[in-house]
Amino acid sequence: MDLEEIVQIETAQLQKAAEILKTVAHPVRLRIIDILEQGERSVNELCRLLNTAQPYTSQQLNLMKSKGILASRRDGNLMYYRVAHPSVVKVIHCVRQQ
């Protein structure tokens, strides 16, 4: 692999990291990640814990899922979410320490 290929790979990784940071840079989304750090939760549980309406909560969850931050599974008519990559939680912990 030559230097140009390495730079292209690093640039793509940095763009992905920036996209993730932009997406989570919102108080409700950060709180969702805090909650999901403890484990998988249903949309209804998240609404209750966040004291937010279901459509708003689902919108935030779907945005983070579309960026690869969260993963989901369906169980009957309930949708459960979890953090897709533990590295996202690590980054948020680092930011909080500053």
PDB file of N, CA and C in Angstrom:
ATOM      1  N   MET A   1       0.850  -1.173   0.000  1.00  0.00           N
ATOM      2  CA  MET A   1       0.000   0.000   0.000  1.00  0.00           C
ATOM      3  C   MET A   1       0.898   1.239   0.000  1.00  0.00           C
ATOM      4  N   ASP A   2       0.619   2.152  -0.924  1.00  0.00           N
ATOM      5  CA  ASP A   2       1.438   3.359  -0.981  1.00  0.00           C
ATOM      6  C   ASP A   2       0.834   4.460  -0.112  1.00  0.00           C
ATOM      7  N   LEU A   3       1.563   5.542   0.023  1.00  0.00           N
ATOM      8  CA  LEU A   3       1.165   6.638   0.901  1.00  0.00           C
ATOM      9  C   LEU A   3      -0.185   7.230   0.504  1.00  0.00           C
ATOM     10  N   GLU A   4      -0.445   7.354  -0.778  1.00  0.00           N
ATOM     11  CA  GLU A   4      -1.718   7.920  -1.244  1.00  0.00           C
ATOM     12  C   GLU A   4      -2.902   7.056  -0.800  1.00  0.00           C
ATOM     13  N   GLU A   5      -2.744   5.747  -0.876  1.00  0.00           N
ATOM     14  CA  GLU A   5      -3.809   4.842  -0.435  1.00  0.00           C
ATOM     15  C   GLU A   5      -4.037   4.950   1.070  1.00  0.00           C
ATOM     16  N   ILE A   6      -2.954   5.073   1.823  1.00  0.00           N
ATOM     17  CA  ILE A   6      -3.056   5.218   3.271  1.00  0.00           C
ATOM     18  C   ILE A   6      -3.792   6.507   3.616  1.00  0.00           C
ATOM     19  N   VAL A   7      -3.451   7.592   2.945  1.00  0.00           N
ATOM     20  CA  VAL A   7      -4.102   8.883   3.189  1.00  0.00           C
ATOM     21  C   VAL A   7      -5.587   8.801   2.851  1.00  0.00           C
ATOM     22  N   GLN A   8      -5.936   8.121   1.762  1.00  0.00           N
ATOM     23  CA  GLN A   8      -7.347   7.976   1.386  1.00  0.00           C
ATOM     24  C   GLN A   8      -8.127   7.197   2.453  1.00  0.00           C
ATOM     25  N   ILE A   9      -7.524   6.134   2.965  1.00  0.00           N
ATOM     26  CA  ILE A   9      -8.174   5.335   4.004  1.00  0.00           C
ATOM     27  C   ILE A   9      -8.342   6.176   5.265  1.00  0.00           C
ATOM     28  N   GLU A  10      -7.285   6.881   5.655  1.00  0.00           N
ATOM     29  CA  GLU A  10      -7.364   7.711   6.857  1.00  0.00           C
ATOM     30  C   GLU A  10      -8.400   8.821   6.689  1.00  0.00           C
ATOM     31  N   THR A  11      -8.479   9.405   5.507  1.00  0.00           N
ATOM     32  CA  THR A  11      -9.461  10.450   5.238  1.00  0.00           C
ATOM     33  C   THR A  11     -10.876   9.896   5.369  1.00  0.00           C
ATOM     34  N   ALA A  12     -11.121   8.716   4.841  1.00  0.00           N
ATOM     35  CA  ALA A  12     -12.446   8.092   4.948  1.00  0.00           C
ATOM     36  C   ALA A  12     -12.790   7.804   6.406  1.00  0.00           C
ATOM     37  N   GLN A  13     -11.819   7.342   7.175  1.00  0.00           N
ATOM     38  CA  GLN A  13     -12.051   7.058   8.590  1.00  0.00           C
ATOM     39  C   GLN A  13     -12.343   8.344   9.367  1.00  0.00           C
ATOM     40  N   LEU A  14     -11.628   9.420   9.044  1.00  0.00           N
ATOM     41  CA  LEU A  14     -11.863  10.693   9.710  1.00  0.00           C
ATOM     42  C   LEU A  14     -13.232  11.260   9.351  1.00  0.00           C
ATOM     43  N   GLN A  15     -13.641  11.097   8.104  1.00  0.00           N
ATOM     44  CA  GLN A  15     -14.966  11.566   7.696  1.00  0.00           C
ATOM     45  C   GLN A  15     -16.052  10.803   8.447  1.00  0.00           C
ATOM     46  N   LYS A  16     -15.882   9.504   8.598  1.00  0.00           N
ATOM     47  CA  LYS A  16     -16.847   8.685   9.335  1.00  0.00           C
ATOM     48  C   LYS A  16     -16.894   9.122  10.799  1.00  0.00           C
ATOM     49  N   ALA A  17     -15.739   9.350  11.401  1.00  0.00           N
ATOM     50  CA  ALA A  17     -15.682   9.794  12.793  1.00  0.00           C
ATOM     51  C   ALA A  17     -16.371  11.146  12.960  1.00  0.00           C
ATOM     52  N   ALA A  18     -16.133  12.066  12.033  1.00  0.00           N
ATOM     53  CA  ALA A  18     -16.767  13.386  12.102  1.00  0.00           C
ATOM     54  C   ALA A  18     -18.280  13.268  11.971  1.00  0.00           C
ATOM     55  N   GLU A  19     -18.747  12.401  11.119  1.00  0.00           N
ATOM     56  CA  GLU A  19     -20.188  12.189  10.937  1.00  0.00           C
ATOM     57  C   GLU A  19     -20.818  11.653  12.226  1.00  0.00           C
ATOM     58  N   ILE A  20     -20.142  10.731  12.874  1.00  0.00           N
ATOM     59  CA  ILE A  20     -20.648  10.177  14.135  1.00  0.00           C
ATOM     60  C   ILE A  20     -20.688  11.266  15.210  1.00  0.00           C
ATOM     61  N   LEU A  21     -19.619  12.058  15.307  1.00  0.00           N
ATOM     62  CA  LEU A  21     -19.583  13.114  16.313  1.00  0.00           C
ATOM     63  C   LEU A  21     -20.675  14.154  16.067  1.00  0.00           C
ATOM     64  N   LYS A  22     -20.887  14.532  14.815  1.00  0.00           N
ATOM     65  CA  LYS A  22     -21.953  15.490  14.502  1.00  0.00           C
ATOM     66  C   LYS A  22     -23.317  14.927  14.889  1.00  0.00           C
ATOM     67  N   THR A  23     -23.509  13.650  14.662  1.00  0.00           N
ATOM     68  CA  THR A  23     -24.800  13.031  14.940  1.00  0.00           C
ATOM     69  C   THR A  23     -25.082  12.964  16.437  1.00  0.00           C
ATOM     70  N   VAL A  24     -24.106  12.595  17.226  1.00  0.00           N
ATOM     71  CA  VAL A  24     -24.353  12.442  18.667  1.00  0.00           C
ATOM     72  C   VAL A  24     -24.278  13.762  19.429  1.00  0.00           C
ATOM     73  N   ALA A  25     -23.851  14.825  18.778  1.00  0.00           N
ATOM     74  CA  ALA A  25     -23.704  16.119  19.435  1.00  0.00           C
ATOM     75  C   ALA A  25     -25.058  16.791  19.652  1.00  0.00           C
ATOM     76  N   HIS A  26     -25.892  16.139  20.450  1.00  0.00           N
ATOM     77  CA  HIS A  26     -27.237  16.611  20.752  1.00  0.00           C
ATOM     78  C   HIS A  26     -27.592  16.057  22.126  1.00  0.00           C
ATOM     79  N   PRO A  27     -28.137  16.879  23.027  1.00  0.00           N
ATOM     80  CA  PRO A  27     -28.381  16.406  24.399  1.00  0.00           C
ATOM     81  C   PRO A  27     -29.234  15.145  24.496  1.00  0.00           C
ATOM     82  N   VAL A  28     -30.293  15.056  23.734  1.00  0.00           N
ATOM     83  CA  VAL A  28     -31.162  13.873  23.820  1.00  0.00           C
ATOM     84  C   VAL A  28     -30.436  12.643  23.281  1.00  0.00           C
ATOM     85  N   ARG A  29     -29.708  12.810  22.206  1.00  0.00           N
ATOM     86  CA  ARG A  29     -28.983  11.663  21.640  1.00  0.00           C
ATOM     87  C   ARG A  29     -27.886  11.196  22.580  1.00  0.00           C
ATOM     88  N   LEU A  30     -27.217  12.130  23.227  1.00  0.00           N
ATOM     89  CA  LEU A  30     -26.200  11.746  24.219  1.00  0.00           C
ATOM     90  C   LEU A  30     -26.843  10.991  25.377  1.00  0.00           C
ATOM     91  N   ARG A  31     -27.996  11.443  25.797  1.00  0.00           N
ATOM     92  CA  ARG A  31     -28.702  10.759  26.893  1.00  0.00           C
ATOM     93  C   ARG A  31     -29.128   9.360  26.471  1.00  0.00           C
ATOM     94  N   ILE A  32     -29.584   9.217  25.228  1.00  0.00           N
ATOM     95  CA  ILE A  32     -29.961   7.894  24.712  1.00  0.00           C
ATOM     96  C   ILE A  32     -28.760   6.955  24.777  1.00  0.00           C
ATOM     97  N   ILE A  33     -27.621   7.432  24.360  1.00  0.00           N
ATOM     98  CA  ILE A  33     -26.421   6.590  24.391  1.00  0.00           C
ATOM     99  C   ILE A  33     -26.057   6.246  25.833  1.00  0.00           C
ATOM    100  N   ASP A  34     -26.198   7.206  26.746  1.00  0.00           N
ATOM    101  CA  ASP A  34     -25.959   6.925  28.170  1.00  0.00           C
ATOM    102  C   ASP A  34     -26.833   5.772  28.647  1.00  0.00           C
ATOM    103  N   ILE A  35     -28.107   5.840  28.302  1.00  0.00           N
ATOM    104  CA  ILE A  35     -29.049   4.809  28.737  1.00  0.00           C
ATOM    105  C   ILE A  35     -28.706   3.471  28.091  1.00  0.00           C
ATOM    106  N   LEU A  36     -28.433   3.490  26.802  1.00  0.00           N
ATOM    107  CA  LEU A  36     -28.167   2.244  26.086  1.00  0.00           C
ATOM    108  C   LEU A  36     -26.811   1.646  26.420  1.00  0.00           C
ATOM    109  N   GLU A  37     -25.943   2.445  27.022  1.00  0.00           N
ATOM    110  CA  GLU A  37     -24.659   1.909  27.476  1.00  0.00           C
ATOM    111  C   GLU A  37     -24.894   0.814  28.523  1.00  0.00           C
ATOM    112  N   GLN A  38     -25.988   0.931  29.261  1.00  0.00           N
ATOM    113  CA  GLN A  38     -26.334  -0.058  30.286  1.00  0.00           C
ATOM    114  C   GLN A  38     -26.979  -1.303  29.699  1.00  0.00           C
ATOM    115  N   GLY A  39     -27.376  -1.244  28.430  1.00  0.00           N
ATOM    116  CA  GLY A  39     -27.981  -2.394  27.783  1.00  0.00           C
ATOM    117  C   GLY A  39     -29.141  -2.005  26.883  1.00  0.00           C
ATOM    118  N   GLU A  40     -29.607  -2.974  26.174  1.00  0.00           N
ATOM    119  CA  GLU A  40     -30.686  -2.803  25.210  1.00  0.00           C
ATOM    120  C   GLU A  40     -31.969  -2.310  25.886  1.00  0.00           C
ATOM    121  N   ARG A  41     -32.692  -1.441  25.213  1.00  0.00           N
ATOM    122  CA  ARG A  41     -33.967  -0.907  25.724  1.00  0.00           C
ATOM    123  C   ARG A  41     -34.978  -0.801  24.589  1.00  0.00           C
ATOM    124  N   SER A  42     -36.248  -0.923  24.952  1.00  0.00           N
ATOM    125  CA  SER A  42     -37.309  -0.724  23.958  1.00  0.00           C
ATOM    126  C   SER A  42     -37.553   0.770  23.775  1.00  0.00           C
ATOM    127  N   VAL A  43     -38.201   1.111  22.683  1.00  0.00           N
ATOM    128  CA  VAL A  43     -38.553   2.511  22.426  1.00  0.00           C
ATOM    129  C   VAL A  43     -39.426   3.042  23.561  1.00  0.00           C
ATOM    130  N   ASN A  44     -40.386   2.235  24.013  1.00  0.00           N
ATOM    131  CA  ASN A  44     -41.263   2.669  25.103  1.00  0.00           C
ATOM    132  C   ASN A  44     -40.471   2.969  26.378  1.00  0.00           C
ATOM    133  N   GLU A  45     -39.508   2.120  26.703  1.00  0.00           N
ATOM    134  CA  GLU A  45     -38.681   2.355  27.887  1.00  0.00           C
ATOM    135  C   GLU A  45     -37.889   3.656  27.738  1.00  0.00           C
ATOM    136  N   LEU A  46     -37.326   3.853  26.555  1.00  0.00           N
ATOM    137  CA  LEU A  46     -36.552   5.070  26.312  1.00  0.00           C
ATOM    138  C   LEU A  46     -37.425   6.317  26.437  1.00  0.00           C
ATOM    139  N   CYS A  47     -38.630   6.272  25.884  1.00  0.00           N
ATOM    140  CA  CYS A  47     -39.551   7.412  25.993  1.00  0.00           C
ATOM    141  C   CYS A  47     -39.824   7.747  27.459  1.00  0.00           C
ATOM    142  N   ARG A  48     -40.065   6.724  28.241  1.00  0.00           N
ATOM    143  CA  ARG A  48     -40.347   6.925  29.664  1.00  0.00           C
ATOM    144  C   ARG A  48     -39.137   7.513  30.383  1.00  0.00           C
ATOM    145  N   LEU A  49     -37.961   6.958  30.143  1.00  0.00           N
ATOM    146  CA  LEU A  49     -36.749   7.423  30.813  1.00  0.00           C
ATOM    147  C   LEU A  49     -36.347   8.837  30.385  1.00  0.00           C
ATOM    148  N   LEU A  50     -36.603   9.160  29.133  1.00  0.00           N
ATOM    149  CA  LEU A  50     -36.242  10.481  28.605  1.00  0.00           C
ATOM    150  C   LEU A  50     -37.339  11.515  28.805  1.00  0.00           C
ATOM    151  N   ASN A  51     -38.536  11.025  29.125  1.00  0.00           N
ATOM    152  CA  ASN A  51     -39.708  11.895  29.219  1.00  0.00           C
ATOM    153  C   ASN A  51     -39.941  12.633  27.891  1.00  0.00           C
ATOM    154  N   THR A  52     -39.904  11.869  26.803  1.00  0.00           N
ATOM    155  CA  THR A  52     -40.113  12.414  25.464  1.00  0.00           C
ATOM    156  C   THR A  52     -41.220  11.641  24.759  1.00  0.00           C
ATOM    157  N   ALA A  53     -41.791  12.252  23.747  1.00  0.00           N
ATOM    158  CA  ALA A  53     -42.851  11.618  22.964  1.00  0.00           C
ATOM    159  C   ALA A  53     -42.258  10.541  22.062  1.00  0.00           C
ATOM    160  N   GLN A  54     -43.052   9.523  21.786  1.00  0.00           N
ATOM    161  CA  GLN A  54     -42.587   8.397  20.969  1.00  0.00           C
ATOM    162  C   GLN A  54     -42.119   8.826  19.576  1.00  0.00           C
ATOM    163  N   PRO A  55     -42.861   9.681  18.845  1.00  0.00           N
ATOM    164  CA  PRO A  55     -42.382  10.057  17.512  1.00  0.00           C
ATOM    165  C   PRO A  55     -41.018  10.754  17.543  1.00  0.00           C
ATOM    166  N   TYR A  56     -40.829  11.634  18.512  1.00  0.00           N
ATOM    167  CA  TYR A  56     -39.552  12.344  18.649  1.00  0.00           C
ATOM    168  C   TYR A  56     -38.422  11.372  18.983  1.00  0.00           C
ATOM    169  N   THR A  57     -38.678  10.493  19.916  1.00  0.00           N
ATOM    170  CA  THR A  57     -37.670   9.507  20.330  1.00  0.00           C
ATOM    171  C   THR A  57     -37.313   8.602  19.157  1.00  0.00           C
ATOM    172  N   SER A  58     -38.315   8.120  18.448  1.00  0.00           N
ATOM    173  CA  SER A  58     -38.068   7.250  17.292  1.00  0.00           C
ATOM    174  C   SER A  58     -37.251   7.964  16.223  1.00  0.00           C
ATOM    175  N   GLN A  59     -37.532   9.252  16.030  1.00  0.00           N
ATOM    176  CA  GLN A  59     -36.766  10.038  15.049  1.00  0.00           C
ATOM    177  C   GLN A  59     -35.284  10.075  15.431  1.00  0.00           C
ATOM    178  N   GLN A  60     -35.001  10.310  16.708  1.00  0.00           N
ATOM    179  CA  GLN A  60     -33.610  10.360  17.172  1.00  0.00           C
ATOM    180  C   GLN A  60     -32.939   8.990  17.039  1.00  0.00           C
ATOM    181  N   LEU A  61     -33.661   7.946  17.396  1.00  0.00           N
ATOM    182  CA  LEU A  61     -33.129   6.585  17.291  1.00  0.00           C
ATOM    183  C   LEU A  61     -32.847   6.211  15.845  1.00  0.00           C
ATOM    184  N   ASN A  62     -33.773   6.522  14.958  1.00  0.00           N
ATOM    185  CA  ASN A  62     -33.595   6.188  13.545  1.00  0.00           C
ATOM    186  C   ASN A  62     -32.425   6.935  12.930  1.00  0.00           C
ATOM    187  N   LEU A  63     -32.229   8.185  13.328  1.00  0.00           N
ATOM    188  CA  LEU A  63     -31.087   8.945  12.827  1.00  0.00           C
ATOM    189  C   LEU A  63     -29.782   8.274  13.237  1.00  0.00           C
ATOM    190  N   MET A  64     -29.677   7.916  14.508  1.00  0.00           N
ATOM    191  CA  MET A  64     -28.440   7.276  14.972  1.00  0.00           C
ATOM    192  C   MET A  64     -28.263   5.887  14.368  1.00  0.00           C
ATOM    193  N   LYS A  65     -29.358   5.195  14.136  1.00  0.00           N
ATOM    194  CA  LYS A  65     -29.265   3.887  13.491  1.00  0.00           C
ATOM    195  C   LYS A  65     -28.786   4.039  12.049  1.00  0.00           C
ATOM    196  N   SER A  66     -29.278   5.050  11.353  1.00  0.00           N
ATOM    197  CA  SER A  66     -28.889   5.256   9.950  1.00  0.00           C
ATOM    198  C   SER A  66     -27.405   5.593   9.812  1.00  0.00           C
ATOM    199  N   LYS A  67     -26.809   6.123  10.869  1.00  0.00           N
ATOM    200  CA  LYS A  67     -25.378   6.463  10.860  1.00  0.00           C
ATOM    201  C   LYS A  67     -24.525   5.330  11.410  1.00  0.00           C
ATOM    202  N   GLY A  68     -25.164   4.210  11.784  1.00  0.00           N
ATOM    203  CA  GLY A  68     -24.418   3.055  12.273  1.00  0.00           C
ATOM    204  C   GLY A  68     -24.039   3.134  13.737  1.00  0.00           C
ATOM    205  N   ILE A  69     -24.596   4.103  14.466  1.00  0.00           N
ATOM    206  CA  ILE A  69     -24.278   4.274  15.878  1.00  0.00           C
ATOM    207  C   ILE A  69     -25.063   3.286  16.729  1.00  0.00           C
ATOM    208  N   LEU A  70     -26.316   3.057  16.348  1.00  0.00           N
ATOM    209  CA  LEU A  70     -27.184   2.127  17.059  1.00  0.00           C
ATOM    210  C   LEU A  70     -27.568   0.964  16.161  1.00  0.00           C
ATOM    211  N   ALA A  71     -27.954  -0.119  16.795  1.00  0.00           N
ATOM    212  CA  ALA A  71     -28.513  -1.282  16.095  1.00  0.00           C
ATOM    213  C   ALA A  71     -29.856  -1.572  16.754  1.00  0.00           C
ATOM    214  N   SER A  72     -30.714  -2.288  16.039  1.00  0.00           N
ATOM    215  CA  SER A  72     -32.035  -2.573  16.600  1.00  0.00           C
ATOM    216  C   SER A  72     -32.458  -3.991  16.269  1.00  0.00           C
ATOM    217  N   ARG A  73     -33.465  -4.424  17.000  1.00  0.00           N
ATOM    218  CA  ARG A  73     -34.103  -5.704  16.710  1.00  0.00           C
ATOM    219  C   ARG A  73     -35.574  -5.571  17.078  1.00  0.00           C
ATOM    220  N   ARG A  74     -36.401  -6.320  16.391  1.00  0.00           N
ATOM    221  CA  ARG A  74     -37.835  -6.314  16.652  1.00  0.00           C
ATOM    222  C   ARG A  74     -38.207  -7.593  17.391  1.00  0.00           C
ATOM    223  N   ASP A  75     -39.065  -7.448  18.390  1.00  0.00           N
ATOM    224  CA  ASP A  75     -39.619  -8.584  19.119  1.00  0.00           C
ATOM    225  C   ASP A  75     -41.127  -8.359  19.162  1.00  0.00           C
ATOM    226  N   GLY A  76     -41.841  -9.022  18.277  1.00  0.00           N
ATOM    227  CA  GLY A  76     -43.276  -8.776  18.149  1.00  0.00           C
ATOM    228  C   GLY A  76     -43.493  -7.377  17.615  1.00  0.00           C
ATOM    229  N   ASN A  77     -44.242  -6.569  18.359  1.00  0.00           N
ATOM    230  CA  ASN A  77     -44.437  -5.196  17.901  1.00  0.00           C
ATOM    231  C   ASN A  77     -43.580  -4.197  18.682  1.00  0.00           C
ATOM    232  N   LEU A  78     -42.599  -4.705  19.424  1.00  0.00           N
ATOM    233  CA  LEU A  78     -41.666  -3.841  20.137  1.00  0.00           C
ATOM    234  C   LEU A  78     -40.336  -3.772  19.403  1.00  0.00           C
ATOM    235  N   MET A  79     -39.750  -2.581  19.371  1.00  0.00           N
ATOM    236  CA  MET A  79     -38.439  -2.380  18.775  1.00  0.00           C
ATOM    237  C   MET A  79     -37.455  -2.085  19.904  1.00  0.00           C
ATOM    238  N   TYR A  80     -36.350  -2.809  19.887  1.00  0.00           N
ATOM    239  CA  TYR A  80     -35.303  -2.648  20.894  1.00  0.00           C
ATOM    240  C   TYR A  80     -34.054  -2.074  20.236  1.00  0.00           C
ATOM    241  N   TYR A  81     -33.379  -1.175  20.947  1.00  0.00           N
ATOM    242  CA  TYR A  81     -32.157  -0.552  20.438  1.00  0.00           C
ATOM    243  C   TYR A  81     -30.995  -0.826  21.375  1.00  0.00           C
ATOM    244  N   ARG A  82     -29.803  -0.816  20.788  1.00  0.00           N
ATOM    245  CA  ARG A  82     -28.561  -0.977  21.541  1.00  0.00           C
ATOM    246  C   ARG A  82     -27.464  -0.198  20.815  1.00  0.00           C
ATOM    247  N   VAL A  83     -26.380   0.084  21.523  1.00  0.00           N
ATOM    248  CA  VAL A  83     -25.227   0.737  20.904  1.00  0.00           C
ATOM    249  C   VAL A  83     -24.557  -0.285  19.990  1.00  0.00           C
ATOM    250  N   ALA A  84     -24.339   0.097  18.744  1.00  0.00           N
ATOM    251  CA  ALA A  84     -23.766  -0.831  17.761  1.00  0.00           C
ATOM    252  C   ALA A  84     -22.262  -1.015  17.946  1.00  0.00           C
ATOM    253  N   HIS A  85     -21.578   0.056  18.350  1.00  0.00           N
ATOM    254  CA  HIS A  85     -20.122  -0.009  18.481  1.00  0.00           C
ATOM    255  C   HIS A  85     -19.698   0.598  19.820  1.00  0.00           C
ATOM    256  N   PRO A  86     -19.092  -0.189  20.687  1.00  0.00           N
ATOM    257  CA  PRO A  86     -18.641   0.323  21.992  1.00  0.00           C
ATOM    258  C   PRO A  86     -17.686   1.521  21.868  1.00  0.00           C
ATOM    259  N   SER A  87     -17.020   1.655  20.740  1.00  0.00           N
ATOM    260  CA  SER A  87     -16.090   2.773  20.567  1.00  0.00           C
ATOM    261  C   SER A  87     -16.799   4.121  20.644  1.00  0.00           C
ATOM    262  N   VAL A  88     -18.076   4.170  20.265  1.00  0.00           N
ATOM    263  CA  VAL A  88     -18.841   5.424  20.363  1.00  0.00           C
ATOM    264  C   VAL A  88     -18.943   5.841  21.831  1.00  0.00           C
ATOM    265  N   VAL A  89     -19.212   4.887  22.697  1.00  0.00           N
ATOM    266  CA  VAL A  89     -19.314   5.178  24.131  1.00  0.00           C
ATOM    267  C   VAL A  89     -17.966   5.664  24.656  1.00  0.00           C
ATOM    268  N   LYS A  90     -16.876   5.052  24.212  1.00  0.00           N
ATOM    269  CA  LYS A  90     -15.546   5.462  24.652  1.00  0.00           C
ATOM    270  C   LYS A  90     -15.257   6.906  24.271  1.00  0.00           C
ATOM    271  N   VAL A  91     -15.632   7.284  23.067  1.00  0.00           N
ATOM    272  CA  VAL A  91     -15.408   8.663  22.607  1.00  0.00           C
ATOM    273  C   VAL A  91     -16.198   9.644  23.471  1.00  0.00           C
ATOM    274  N   ILE A  92     -17.431   9.313  23.770  1.00  0.00           N
ATOM    275  CA  ILE A  92     -18.267  10.192  24.595  1.00  0.00           C
ATOM    276  C   ILE A  92     -17.677  10.314  26.000  1.00  0.00           C
ATOM    277  N   HIS A  93     -17.159   9.232  26.534  1.00  0.00           N
ATOM    278  CA  HIS A  93     -16.511   9.289  27.850  1.00  0.00           C
ATOM    279  C   HIS A  93     -15.304  10.223  27.809  1.00  0.00           C
ATOM    280  N   CYS A  94     -14.522  10.149  26.747  1.00  0.00           N
ATOM    281  CA  CYS A  94     -13.353  11.020  26.599  1.00  0.00           C
ATOM    282  C   CYS A  94     -13.762  12.488  26.549  1.00  0.00           C
ATOM    283  N   VAL A  95     -14.802  12.801  25.800  1.00  0.00           N
ATOM    284  CA  VAL A  95     -15.278  14.177  25.677  1.00  0.00           C
ATOM    285  C   VAL A  95     -15.761  14.689  27.033  1.00  0.00           C
ATOM    286  N   ARG A  96     -16.447  13.863  27.789  1.00  0.00           N
ATOM    287  CA  ARG A  96     -16.981  14.261  29.095  1.00  0.00           C
ATOM    288  C   ARG A  96     -15.865  14.597  30.092  1.00  0.00           C
ATOM    289  N   GLN A  97     -14.732  13.946  29.960  1.00  0.00           N
ATOM    290  CA  GLN A  97     -13.635  14.169  30.899  1.00  0.00           C
ATOM    291  C   GLN A  97     -12.986  15.529  30.714  1.00  0.00           C
ATOM    292  N   GLN A  98     -13.255  16.162  29.601  1.00  0.00           N
ATOM    293  CA  GLN A  98     -12.618  17.466  29.314  1.00  0.00           C
ATOM    294  C   GLN A  98     -13.381  18.593  29.900  1.00  0.00           C
TER     295      GLN A  98
END
